[in-house]
Amino acid sequence: MAKKTTTVIGMGMMGKKLAALLLQAGHAVSVWNRSPAAAAKVVGQGATLHQDVARAIAASEVVVVCVKDYEVANAIFSSPGVEAALKGRTVVHLTTGSPKEALDMDAWVRGHGALYLDGAIQAAPEQMGAPTTPVLVSGAQQAYDSALAVLQVFGGGIAYLGERASLASAMDFATLSYVYGATLGFFHGARIAETEGLNVAHYGSIIHQIAPSFGEFLQHEGQVIHSGDFAITQSPLRISIDATRRIAQHARDSGIHAAVPELAETLFRQAEEAGYADEEAAAVVKVMRG
């Protein structure tokens, strides 16, 4: 049986890891990078380096693109011969971008006779290839079916979100919004710990302990929002109104940068003013809907 053929465009840390995983899984792997020297390690492992990106694309059934951003990807795809080389291929675009960029790329790739799958990797290179590694993808069902064997090499946590190419990017934005919000909240907590003479490392350990149960709470709140029924089930919004006010006041009194708690204080106060205080905490999303 002939080996599956896969091309990886982009030899950054993630691109090199994806190529190495494909080689380990028995794929015939072609690679291309603007700086060929970056591909030396995977070439030593058995990958074929192409000097011409169009030839690299033409060499495989599935083409995985993992570069800095869509601007770089667009520049690569504008190279001579690429449009013709794309015909009949499946492009798996794992370059993080916006939902609009994903839709534009989907239309362009499909306009040149290829299938398109947009994706977002939510793991570091050293976490790739594990049974739980999360990879978000969206695009035509035919593209997903064509690329599935490749995606399964990258990780077991494949989430196919639907046929609209922008959905993976949108979910990536959604999950990163949680990550950055939680991270900023953590950093504010570190400043509280410093100000009050607490051990910040110990604070970090306590956060680690409570993270799983808080994840379960947020999962429940997501179900509440999806259902549209904001009757109190776990946490009355009123509690958060008082809590965020106290945290923001502590920051002001202690001379801590107050932007993070003041944002929370403002949103929960607006929820109270809108009459949501005696609903589930998730009702604050109704304020955020504008």
C-alpha atoms as a PDB file:
ATOM      1  CA  MET A   1       0.000   0.000   0.000  1.00  0.00           C
ATOM      2  CA  ALA A   2       1.315   3.430  -0.979  1.00  0.00           C
ATOM      3  CA  LYS A   3       2.158   5.832   1.808  1.00  0.00           C
ATOM      4  CA  LYS A   4      -0.159   8.746   2.490  1.00  0.00           C
ATOM      5  CA  THR A   5       1.387  11.901   1.101  1.00  0.00           C
ATOM      6  CA  THR A   6       1.319  15.087   3.147  1.00  0.00           C
ATOM      7  CA  THR A   7       3.016  18.437   2.676  1.00  0.00           C
ATOM      8  CA  VAL A   8       3.775  20.817   5.538  1.00  0.00           C
ATOM      9  CA  ILE A   9       4.289  24.479   4.652  1.00  0.00           C
ATOM     10  CA  GLY A  10       6.108  26.379   7.401  1.00  0.00           C
ATOM     11  CA  MET A  11       8.975  25.075   9.504  1.00  0.00           C
ATOM     12  CA  GLY A  12       8.537  27.014  12.697  1.00  0.00           C
ATOM     13  CA  MET A  13       8.477  25.097  15.963  1.00  0.00           C
ATOM     14  CA  MET A  14       4.929  23.865  15.380  1.00  0.00           C
ATOM     15  CA  GLY A  15       5.415  23.082  11.694  1.00  0.00           C
ATOM     16  CA  LYS A  16       8.511  21.000  12.413  1.00  0.00           C
ATOM     17  CA  LYS A  17       6.642  19.102  15.109  1.00  0.00           C
ATOM     18  CA  LEU A  18       3.724  18.360  12.769  1.00  0.00           C
ATOM     19  CA  ALA A  19       6.089  17.109  10.069  1.00  0.00           C
ATOM     20  CA  ALA A  20       7.935  14.898  12.570  1.00  0.00           C
ATOM     21  CA  LEU A  21       4.677  13.369  13.806  1.00  0.00           C
ATOM     22  CA  LEU A  22       3.591  12.617  10.240  1.00  0.00           C
ATOM     23  CA  LEU A  23       6.921  10.937   9.514  1.00  0.00           C
ATOM     24  CA  GLN A  24       6.573   8.817  12.650  1.00  0.00           C
ATOM     25  CA  ALA A  25       3.081   7.823  11.495  1.00  0.00           C
ATOM     26  CA  GLY A  26       4.433   6.556   8.170  1.00  0.00           C
ATOM     27  CA  HIS A  27       3.449   9.419   5.875  1.00  0.00           C
ATOM     28  CA  ALA A  28       5.566  10.482   2.921  1.00  0.00           C
ATOM     29  CA  VAL A  29       6.208  14.081   3.953  1.00  0.00           C
ATOM     30  CA  SER A  30       7.197  17.015   1.775  1.00  0.00           C
ATOM     31  CA  VAL A  31       8.131  20.341   3.352  1.00  0.00           C
ATOM     32  CA  TRP A  32       8.753  23.921   2.314  1.00  0.00           C
ATOM     33  CA  ASN A  33       9.946  26.960   4.222  1.00  0.00           C
ATOM     34  CA  ARG A  34      11.103  30.417   3.206  1.00  0.00           C
ATOM     35  CA  SER A  35      14.391  29.634   4.979  1.00  0.00           C
ATOM     36  CA  PRO A  36      15.302  26.079   3.882  1.00  0.00           C
ATOM     37  CA  ALA A  37      17.819  25.647   6.711  1.00  0.00           C
ATOM     38  CA  ALA A  38      14.948  25.543   9.214  1.00  0.00           C
ATOM     39  CA  ALA A  39      13.835  22.229   7.687  1.00  0.00           C
ATOM     40  CA  ALA A  40      17.175  20.471   8.207  1.00  0.00           C
ATOM     41  CA  LYS A  41      16.055  18.372  11.178  1.00  0.00           C
ATOM     42  CA  VAL A  42      12.911  16.962   9.561  1.00  0.00           C
ATOM     43  CA  VAL A  43      14.792  16.362   6.318  1.00  0.00           C
ATOM     44  CA  GLY A  44      17.236  14.314   8.363  1.00  0.00           C
ATOM     45  CA  GLN A  45      14.253  12.322   9.655  1.00  0.00           C
ATOM     46  CA  GLY A  46      13.097  11.527   6.119  1.00  0.00           C
ATOM     47  CA  ALA A  47      11.108  14.502   4.822  1.00  0.00           C
ATOM     48  CA  THR A  48      11.625  15.801   1.281  1.00  0.00           C
ATOM     49  CA  LEU A  49      12.520  19.486   1.097  1.00  0.00           C
ATOM     50  CA  HIS A  50      11.260  21.396  -1.942  1.00  0.00           C
ATOM     51  CA  GLN A  51      12.849  24.660  -2.986  1.00  0.00           C
ATOM     52  CA  ASP A  52       9.684  25.647  -4.844  1.00  0.00           C
ATOM     53  CA  VAL A  53       6.443  25.951  -2.857  1.00  0.00           C
ATOM     54  CA  ALA A  54       4.272  25.029  -5.844  1.00  0.00           C
ATOM     55  CA  ARG A  55       6.121  21.730  -6.198  1.00  0.00           C
ATOM     56  CA  ALA A  56       5.753  21.072  -2.491  1.00  0.00           C
ATOM     57  CA  ILE A  57       1.989  21.563  -2.785  1.00  0.00           C
ATOM     58  CA  ALA A  58       1.745  19.409  -5.908  1.00  0.00           C
ATOM     59  CA  ALA A  59       3.618  16.574  -4.172  1.00  0.00           C
ATOM     60  CA  SER A  60       0.834  15.662  -1.744  1.00  0.00           C
ATOM     61  CA  GLU A  61      -2.860  14.966  -1.386  1.00  0.00           C
ATOM     62  CA  VAL A  62      -3.121  16.994   1.836  1.00  0.00           C
ATOM     63  CA  VAL A  63      -1.287  20.290   2.353  1.00  0.00           C
ATOM     64  CA  VAL A  64      -0.889  21.545   5.921  1.00  0.00           C
ATOM     65  CA  VAL A  65      -0.115  25.249   6.263  1.00  0.00           C
ATOM     66  CA  CYS A  66       1.296  26.406   9.602  1.00  0.00           C
ATOM     67  CA  VAL A  67       2.872  29.864   9.323  1.00  0.00           C
ATOM     68  CA  LYS A  68       2.893  33.107  11.328  1.00  0.00           C
ATOM     69  CA  ASP A  69      -0.357  34.633  10.075  1.00  0.00           C
ATOM     70  CA  TYR A  70      -2.675  34.984   7.100  1.00  0.00           C
ATOM     71  CA  GLU A  71      -0.553  37.761   5.609  1.00  0.00           C
ATOM     72  CA  VAL A  72       2.337  35.317   5.309  1.00  0.00           C
ATOM     73  CA  ALA A  73       0.042  32.574   4.014  1.00  0.00           C
ATOM     74  CA  ASN A  74      -1.392  34.884   1.354  1.00  0.00           C
ATOM     75  CA  ALA A  75       2.106  35.823   0.229  1.00  0.00           C
ATOM     76  CA  ILE A  76       3.041  32.141  -0.063  1.00  0.00           C
ATOM     77  CA  PHE A  77      -0.099  31.325  -2.043  1.00  0.00           C
ATOM     78  CA  SER A  78       0.641  34.192  -4.448  1.00  0.00           C
ATOM     79  CA  SER A  79       3.907  32.507  -5.491  1.00  0.00           C
ATOM     80  CA  PRO A  80       4.212  31.399  -9.142  1.00  0.00           C
ATOM     81  CA  GLY A  81       2.563  28.066  -9.917  1.00  0.00           C
ATOM     82  CA  VAL A  82       0.664  27.731  -6.646  1.00  0.00           C
ATOM     83  CA  GLU A  83      -2.801  28.308  -8.086  1.00  0.00           C
ATOM     84  CA  ALA A  84      -2.384  25.465 -10.564  1.00  0.00           C
ATOM     85  CA  ALA A  85      -0.754  23.199  -7.982  1.00  0.00           C
ATOM     86  CA  LEU A  86      -3.692  23.526  -5.593  1.00  0.00           C
ATOM     87  CA  LYS A  87      -6.213  21.829  -7.864  1.00  0.00           C
ATOM     88  CA  GLY A  88      -7.471  18.583  -6.322  1.00  0.00           C
ATOM     89  CA  ARG A  89      -5.637  19.103  -3.025  1.00  0.00           C
ATOM     90  CA  THR A  90      -7.012  19.468   0.487  1.00  0.00           C
ATOM     91  CA  VAL A  91      -5.588  22.476   2.315  1.00  0.00           C
ATOM     92  CA  VAL A  92      -5.547  22.282   6.111  1.00  0.00           C
ATOM     93  CA  HIS A  93      -4.817  25.795   7.319  1.00  0.00           C
ATOM     94  CA  LEU A  94      -3.553  25.772  10.904  1.00  0.00           C
ATOM     95  CA  THR A  95      -2.470  29.409  10.909  1.00  0.00           C
ATOM     96  CA  THR A  96      -4.299  31.382  13.588  1.00  0.00           C
ATOM     97  CA  GLY A  97      -6.373  34.241  12.220  1.00  0.00           C
ATOM     98  CA  SER A  98      -9.774  35.884  12.375  1.00  0.00           C
ATOM     99  CA  PRO A  99     -13.110  34.413  11.254  1.00  0.00           C
ATOM    100  CA  LYS A 100     -13.185  36.826   8.298  1.00  0.00           C
ATOM    101  CA  GLU A 101      -9.699  35.778   7.210  1.00  0.00           C
ATOM    102  CA  ALA A 102     -10.802  32.155   7.335  1.00  0.00           C
ATOM    103  CA  LEU A 103     -13.825  32.836   5.129  1.00  0.00           C
ATOM    104  CA  ASP A 104     -11.732  34.775   2.625  1.00  0.00           C
ATOM    105  CA  MET A 105      -9.119  32.010   2.458  1.00  0.00           C
ATOM    106  CA  ASP A 106     -11.809  29.364   2.104  1.00  0.00           C
ATOM    107  CA  ALA A 107     -13.317  31.175  -0.895  1.00  0.00           C
ATOM    108  CA  TRP A 108      -9.911  31.678  -2.509  1.00  0.00           C
ATOM    109  CA  VAL A 109      -8.759  28.073  -2.081  1.00  0.00           C
ATOM    110  CA  ARG A 110     -12.061  26.613  -3.265  1.00  0.00           C
ATOM    111  CA  GLY A 111     -11.945  29.005  -6.223  1.00  0.00           C
ATOM    112  CA  HIS A 112      -8.765  27.250  -7.329  1.00  0.00           C
ATOM    113  CA  GLY A 113     -10.195  23.750  -7.221  1.00  0.00           C
ATOM    114  CA  ALA A 114      -9.047  22.643  -3.756  1.00  0.00           C
ATOM    115  CA  LEU A 115     -10.851  21.652  -0.582  1.00  0.00           C
ATOM    116  CA  TYR A 116     -10.299  23.857   2.476  1.00  0.00           C
ATOM    117  CA  LEU A 117     -10.282  23.152   6.189  1.00  0.00           C
ATOM    118  CA  ASP A 118      -9.502  25.917   8.661  1.00  0.00           C
ATOM    119  CA  GLY A 119      -8.090  25.004  12.047  1.00  0.00           C
ATOM    120  CA  ALA A 120      -6.702  26.215  15.342  1.00  0.00           C
ATOM    121  CA  ILE A 121      -4.252  24.246  17.481  1.00  0.00           C
ATOM    122  CA  GLN A 122      -4.780  24.801  21.192  1.00  0.00           C
ATOM    123  CA  ALA A 123      -1.573  23.237  22.476  1.00  0.00           C
ATOM    124  CA  ALA A 124       2.171  23.816  22.505  1.00  0.00           C
ATOM    125  CA  PRO A 125       4.425  21.868  20.096  1.00  0.00           C
ATOM    126  CA  GLU A 126       5.557  19.452  22.824  1.00  0.00           C
ATOM    127  CA  GLN A 127       1.902  18.634  23.570  1.00  0.00           C
ATOM    128  CA  MET A 128       1.088  17.584  20.010  1.00  0.00           C
ATOM    129  CA  GLY A 129       0.280  13.973  19.144  1.00  0.00           C
ATOM    130  CA  ALA A 130      -1.314  13.094  22.489  1.00  0.00           C
ATOM    131  CA  PRO A 131      -4.746  11.453  22.813  1.00  0.00           C
ATOM    132  CA  THR A 132      -6.168  14.651  24.331  1.00  0.00           C
ATOM    133  CA  THR A 133      -4.399  17.266  22.173  1.00  0.00           C
ATOM    134  CA  PRO A 134      -7.130  19.743  21.138  1.00  0.00           C
ATOM    135  CA  VAL A 135      -7.394  20.776  17.490  1.00  0.00           C
ATOM    136  CA  LEU A 136     -10.387  22.840  16.328  1.00  0.00           C
ATOM    137  CA  VAL A 137     -11.370  22.552  12.660  1.00  0.00           C
ATOM    138  CA  SER A 138     -14.151  23.758  10.379  1.00  0.00           C
ATOM    139  CA  GLY A 139     -14.917  23.645   6.694  1.00  0.00           C
ATOM    140  CA  ALA A 140     -16.654  21.460   4.148  1.00  0.00           C
ATOM    141  CA  GLN A 141     -17.443  17.936   5.343  1.00  0.00           C
ATOM    142  CA  GLN A 142     -15.589  16.574   2.312  1.00  0.00           C
ATOM    143  CA  ALA A 143     -12.471  18.493   3.353  1.00  0.00           C
ATOM    144  CA  TYR A 144     -12.736  17.178   6.900  1.00  0.00           C
ATOM    145  CA  ASP A 145     -13.126  13.598   5.695  1.00  0.00           C
ATOM    146  CA  SER A 146     -10.146  13.994   3.389  1.00  0.00           C
ATOM    147  CA  ALA A 147      -7.907  15.422   6.133  1.00  0.00           C
ATOM    148  CA  LEU A 148      -9.048  13.322   9.090  1.00  0.00           C
ATOM    149  CA  ALA A 149      -6.206  10.787   8.931  1.00  0.00           C
ATOM    150  CA  VAL A 150      -3.701  13.647   9.045  1.00  0.00           C
ATOM    151  CA  LEU A 151      -5.499  15.443  11.860  1.00  0.00           C
ATOM    152  CA  GLN A 152      -5.569  12.290  13.971  1.00  0.00           C
ATOM    153  CA  VAL A 153      -1.774  12.201  13.822  1.00  0.00           C
ATOM    154  CA  PHE A 154      -1.688  15.665  15.378  1.00  0.00           C
ATOM    155  CA  GLY A 155      -3.920  14.810  18.331  1.00  0.00           C
ATOM    156  CA  GLY A 156      -6.884  12.862  19.580  1.00  0.00           C
ATOM    157  CA  GLY A 157      -8.984  15.850  20.633  1.00  0.00           C
ATOM    158  CA  ILE A 158     -10.253  16.778  17.177  1.00  0.00           C
ATOM    159  CA  ALA A 159     -13.325  19.038  17.333  1.00  0.00           C
ATOM    160  CA  TYR A 160     -15.088  19.426  13.972  1.00  0.00           C
ATOM    161  CA  LEU A 161     -17.317  22.475  14.418  1.00  0.00           C
ATOM    162  CA  GLY A 162     -19.193  22.557  11.127  1.00  0.00           C
ATOM    163  CA  GLU A 163     -19.033  23.483   7.462  1.00  0.00           C
ATOM    164  CA  ARG A 164     -18.597  27.249   7.813  1.00  0.00           C
ATOM    165  CA  ALA A 165     -14.853  27.800   7.593  1.00  0.00           C
ATOM    166  CA  SER A 166     -14.885  30.615  10.151  1.00  0.00           C
ATOM    167  CA  LEU A 167     -16.139  28.478  13.040  1.00  0.00           C
ATOM    168  CA  ALA A 168     -12.751  27.143  14.196  1.00  0.00           C
ATOM    169  CA  SER A 169     -11.306  30.645  14.355  1.00  0.00           C
ATOM    170  CA  ALA A 170     -14.380  31.908  16.204  1.00  0.00           C
ATOM    171  CA  MET A 171     -14.117  29.110  18.774  1.00  0.00           C
ATOM    172  CA  ASP A 172     -10.398  29.829  19.119  1.00  0.00           C
ATOM    173  CA  PHE A 173     -11.237  33.472  19.867  1.00  0.00           C
ATOM    174  CA  ALA A 174     -13.869  32.345  22.375  1.00  0.00           C
ATOM    175  CA  THR A 175     -11.592  29.977  24.262  1.00  0.00           C
ATOM    176  CA  LEU A 176      -8.679  32.422  24.219  1.00  0.00           C
ATOM    177  CA  SER A 177     -10.978  35.088  25.629  1.00  0.00           C
ATOM    178  CA  TYR A 178     -11.479  32.801  28.614  1.00  0.00           C
ATOM    179  CA  VAL A 179      -7.755  32.052  28.855  1.00  0.00           C
ATOM    180  CA  TYR A 180      -6.678  35.703  28.753  1.00  0.00           C
ATOM    181  CA  GLY A 181      -9.469  36.781  31.087  1.00  0.00           C
ATOM    182  CA  ALA A 182      -8.533  34.095  33.594  1.00  0.00           C
ATOM    183  CA  THR A 183      -4.832  34.884  33.203  1.00  0.00           C
ATOM    184  CA  LEU A 184      -5.320  38.584  33.891  1.00  0.00           C
ATOM    185  CA  GLY A 185      -7.485  37.694  36.873  1.00  0.00           C
ATOM    186  CA  PHE A 186      -4.710  35.411  38.105  1.00  0.00           C
ATOM    187  CA  PHE A 187      -2.136  38.176  37.759  1.00  0.00           C
ATOM    188  CA  HIS A 188      -4.377  40.573  39.676  1.00  0.00           C
ATOM    189  CA  GLY A 189      -4.680  37.935  42.388  1.00  0.00           C
ATOM    190  CA  ALA A 190      -0.894  37.699  42.478  1.00  0.00           C
ATOM    191  CA  ARG A 191      -0.741  41.417  43.166  1.00  0.00           C
ATOM    192  CA  ILE A 192      -3.225  41.013  46.020  1.00  0.00           C
ATOM    193  CA  ALA A 193      -1.062  38.238  47.450  1.00  0.00           C
ATOM    194  CA  GLU A 194       2.069  40.383  47.160  1.00  0.00           C
ATOM    195  CA  THR A 195       0.385  43.395  48.717  1.00  0.00           C
ATOM    196  CA  GLU A 196      -0.966  41.403  51.657  1.00  0.00           C
ATOM    197  CA  GLY A 197       2.266  39.500  52.277  1.00  0.00           C
ATOM    198  CA  LEU A 198       1.066  36.123  51.027  1.00  0.00           C
ATOM    199  CA  ASN A 199       3.256  33.572  49.249  1.00  0.00           C
ATOM    200  CA  VAL A 200       2.457  33.949  45.540  1.00  0.00           C
ATOM    201  CA  ALA A 201       3.645  30.411  44.763  1.00  0.00           C
ATOM    202  CA  HIS A 202       1.209  29.080  47.365  1.00  0.00           C
ATOM    203  CA  TYR A 203      -1.526  31.184  45.772  1.00  0.00           C
ATOM    204  CA  GLY A 204      -0.700  29.534  42.443  1.00  0.00           C
ATOM    205  CA  SER A 205      -1.008  26.091  44.028  1.00  0.00           C
ATOM    206  CA  ILE A 206      -4.441  26.932  45.425  1.00  0.00           C
ATOM    207  CA  ILE A 207      -5.593  28.126  41.979  1.00  0.00           C
ATOM    208  CA  HIS A 208      -4.393  24.818  40.541  1.00  0.00           C
ATOM    209  CA  GLN A 209      -6.492  22.961  43.100  1.00  0.00           C
ATOM    210  CA  ILE A 210      -9.695  24.891  42.413  1.00  0.00           C
ATOM    211  CA  ALA A 211      -9.358  24.996  38.614  1.00  0.00           C
ATOM    212  CA  PRO A 212     -11.182  21.686  37.884  1.00  0.00           C
ATOM    213  CA  SER A 213     -14.228  22.575  39.994  1.00  0.00           C
ATOM    214  CA  PHE A 214     -14.338  26.062  38.512  1.00  0.00           C
ATOM    215  CA  GLY A 215     -14.236  24.494  35.052  1.00  0.00           C
ATOM    216  CA  GLU A 216     -17.306  22.456  35.957  1.00  0.00           C
ATOM    217  CA  PHE A 217     -19.041  25.642  37.128  1.00  0.00           C
ATOM    218  CA  LEU A 218     -18.304  27.394  33.842  1.00  0.00           C
ATOM    219  CA  GLN A 219     -19.539  24.368  31.912  1.00  0.00           C
ATOM    220  CA  HIS A 220     -22.818  24.691  33.816  1.00  0.00           C
ATOM    221  CA  GLU A 221     -22.999  28.429  33.117  1.00  0.00           C
ATOM    222  CA  GLY A 222     -22.503  27.701  29.427  1.00  0.00           C
ATOM    223  CA  GLN A 223     -25.485  25.349  29.539  1.00  0.00           C
ATOM    224  CA  VAL A 224     -27.523  28.058  31.261  1.00  0.00           C
ATOM    225  CA  ILE A 225     -26.699  30.595  28.545  1.00  0.00           C
ATOM    226  CA  HIS A 226     -27.464  28.088  25.800  1.00  0.00           C
ATOM    227  CA  SER A 227     -30.825  27.234  27.360  1.00  0.00           C
ATOM    228  CA  GLY A 228     -31.858  30.858  27.870  1.00  0.00           C
ATOM    229  CA  ASP A 229     -33.240  29.959  31.300  1.00  0.00           C
ATOM    230  CA  PHE A 230     -31.469  32.163  33.863  1.00  0.00           C
ATOM    231  CA  ALA A 231     -33.348  30.971  36.938  1.00  0.00           C
ATOM    232  CA  ILE A 232     -30.895  30.594  39.839  1.00  0.00           C
ATOM    233  CA  THR A 233     -29.376  27.111  39.900  1.00  0.00           C
ATOM    234  CA  GLN A 234     -25.860  27.519  41.356  1.00  0.00           C
ATOM    235  CA  SER A 235     -24.768  31.123  41.849  1.00  0.00           C
ATOM    236  CA  PRO A 236     -27.048  34.176  42.194  1.00  0.00           C
ATOM    237  CA  LEU A 237     -25.709  37.111  40.220  1.00  0.00           C
ATOM    238  CA  ARG A 238     -26.251  39.314  43.288  1.00  0.00           C
ATOM    239  CA  ILE A 239     -23.305  37.614  45.052  1.00  0.00           C
ATOM    240  CA  SER A 240     -20.952  38.611  42.241  1.00  0.00           C
ATOM    241  CA  ILE A 241     -22.158  42.230  42.338  1.00  0.00           C
ATOM    242  CA  ASP A 242     -21.018  42.576  45.935  1.00  0.00           C
ATOM    243  CA  ALA A 243     -17.840  40.510  45.482  1.00  0.00           C
ATOM    244  CA  THR A 244     -16.531  42.415  42.456  1.00  0.00           C
ATOM    245  CA  ARG A 245     -17.273  45.742  44.154  1.00  0.00           C
ATOM    246  CA  ARG A 246     -15.238  44.727  47.199  1.00  0.00           C
ATOM    247  CA  ILE A 247     -12.309  43.459  45.089  1.00  0.00           C
ATOM    248  CA  ALA A 248     -12.214  46.653  43.025  1.00  0.00           C
ATOM    249  CA  GLN A 249     -12.354  48.800  46.164  1.00  0.00           C
ATOM    250  CA  HIS A 250      -9.511  46.802  47.705  1.00  0.00           C
ATOM    251  CA  ALA A 251      -7.393  47.485  44.615  1.00  0.00           C
ATOM    252  CA  ARG A 252      -8.057  51.205  44.817  1.00  0.00           C
ATOM    253  CA  ASP A 253      -7.361  51.299  48.554  1.00  0.00           C
ATOM    254  CA  SER A 254      -4.160  49.262  48.193  1.00  0.00           C
ATOM    255  CA  GLY A 255      -2.735  51.078  45.203  1.00  0.00           C
ATOM    256  CA  ILE A 256      -3.010  48.004  42.963  1.00  0.00           C
ATOM    257  CA  HIS A 257      -3.718  48.560  39.269  1.00  0.00           C
ATOM    258  CA  ALA A 258      -7.499  48.274  39.267  1.00  0.00           C
ATOM    259  CA  ALA A 259      -8.384  47.796  35.573  1.00  0.00           C
ATOM    260  CA  VAL A 260      -9.246  44.093  35.858  1.00  0.00           C
ATOM    261  CA  PRO A 261     -11.553  44.197  38.895  1.00  0.00           C
ATOM    262  CA  GLU A 262     -13.095  47.490  37.786  1.00  0.00           C
ATOM    263  CA  LEU A 263     -14.139  45.881  34.491  1.00  0.00           C
ATOM    264  CA  ALA A 264     -15.848  43.071  36.420  1.00  0.00           C
ATOM    265  CA  GLU A 265     -17.377  45.553  38.853  1.00  0.00           C
ATOM    266  CA  THR A 266     -18.808  47.602  35.982  1.00  0.00           C
ATOM    267  CA  LEU A 267     -20.360  44.642  34.173  1.00  0.00           C
ATOM    268  CA  PHE A 268     -22.011  43.198  37.256  1.00  0.00           C
ATOM    269  CA  ARG A 269     -23.266  46.644  38.318  1.00  0.00           C
ATOM    270  CA  GLN A 270     -24.809  47.089  34.870  1.00  0.00           C
ATOM    271  CA  ALA A 271     -26.461  43.686  35.245  1.00  0.00           C
ATOM    272  CA  GLU A 272     -27.918  44.809  38.552  1.00  0.00           C
ATOM    273  CA  GLU A 273     -29.190  48.034  37.010  1.00  0.00           C
ATOM    274  CA  ALA A 274     -30.812  45.991  34.230  1.00  0.00           C
ATOM    275  CA  GLY A 275     -32.724  43.951  36.803  1.00  0.00           C
ATOM    276  CA  TYR A 276     -30.758  40.691  36.642  1.00  0.00           C
ATOM    277  CA  ALA A 277     -29.529  40.541  40.245  1.00  0.00           C
ATOM    278  CA  ASP A 278     -31.880  37.715  41.197  1.00  0.00           C
ATOM    279  CA  GLU A 279     -30.965  35.524  38.254  1.00  0.00           C
ATOM    280  CA  GLU A 280     -28.118  33.059  37.725  1.00  0.00           C
ATOM    281  CA  ALA A 281     -24.657  34.665  37.489  1.00  0.00           C
ATOM    282  CA  ALA A 282     -24.574  33.833  33.781  1.00  0.00           C
ATOM    283  CA  ALA A 283     -27.213  36.545  33.224  1.00  0.00           C
ATOM    284  CA  VAL A 284     -24.352  39.055  32.988  1.00  0.00           C
ATOM    285  CA  VAL A 285     -24.019  37.805  29.398  1.00  0.00           C
ATOM    286  CA  LYS A 286     -27.262  39.668  28.648  1.00  0.00           C
ATOM    287  CA  VAL A 287     -25.458  42.922  29.441  1.00  0.00           C
ATOM    288  CA  MET A 288     -22.564  41.865  27.229  1.00  0.00           C
ATOM    289  CA  ARG A 289     -24.969  41.242  24.343  1.00  0.00           C
ATOM    290  CA  GLY A 290     -25.560  44.982  24.317  1.00  0.00           C
END
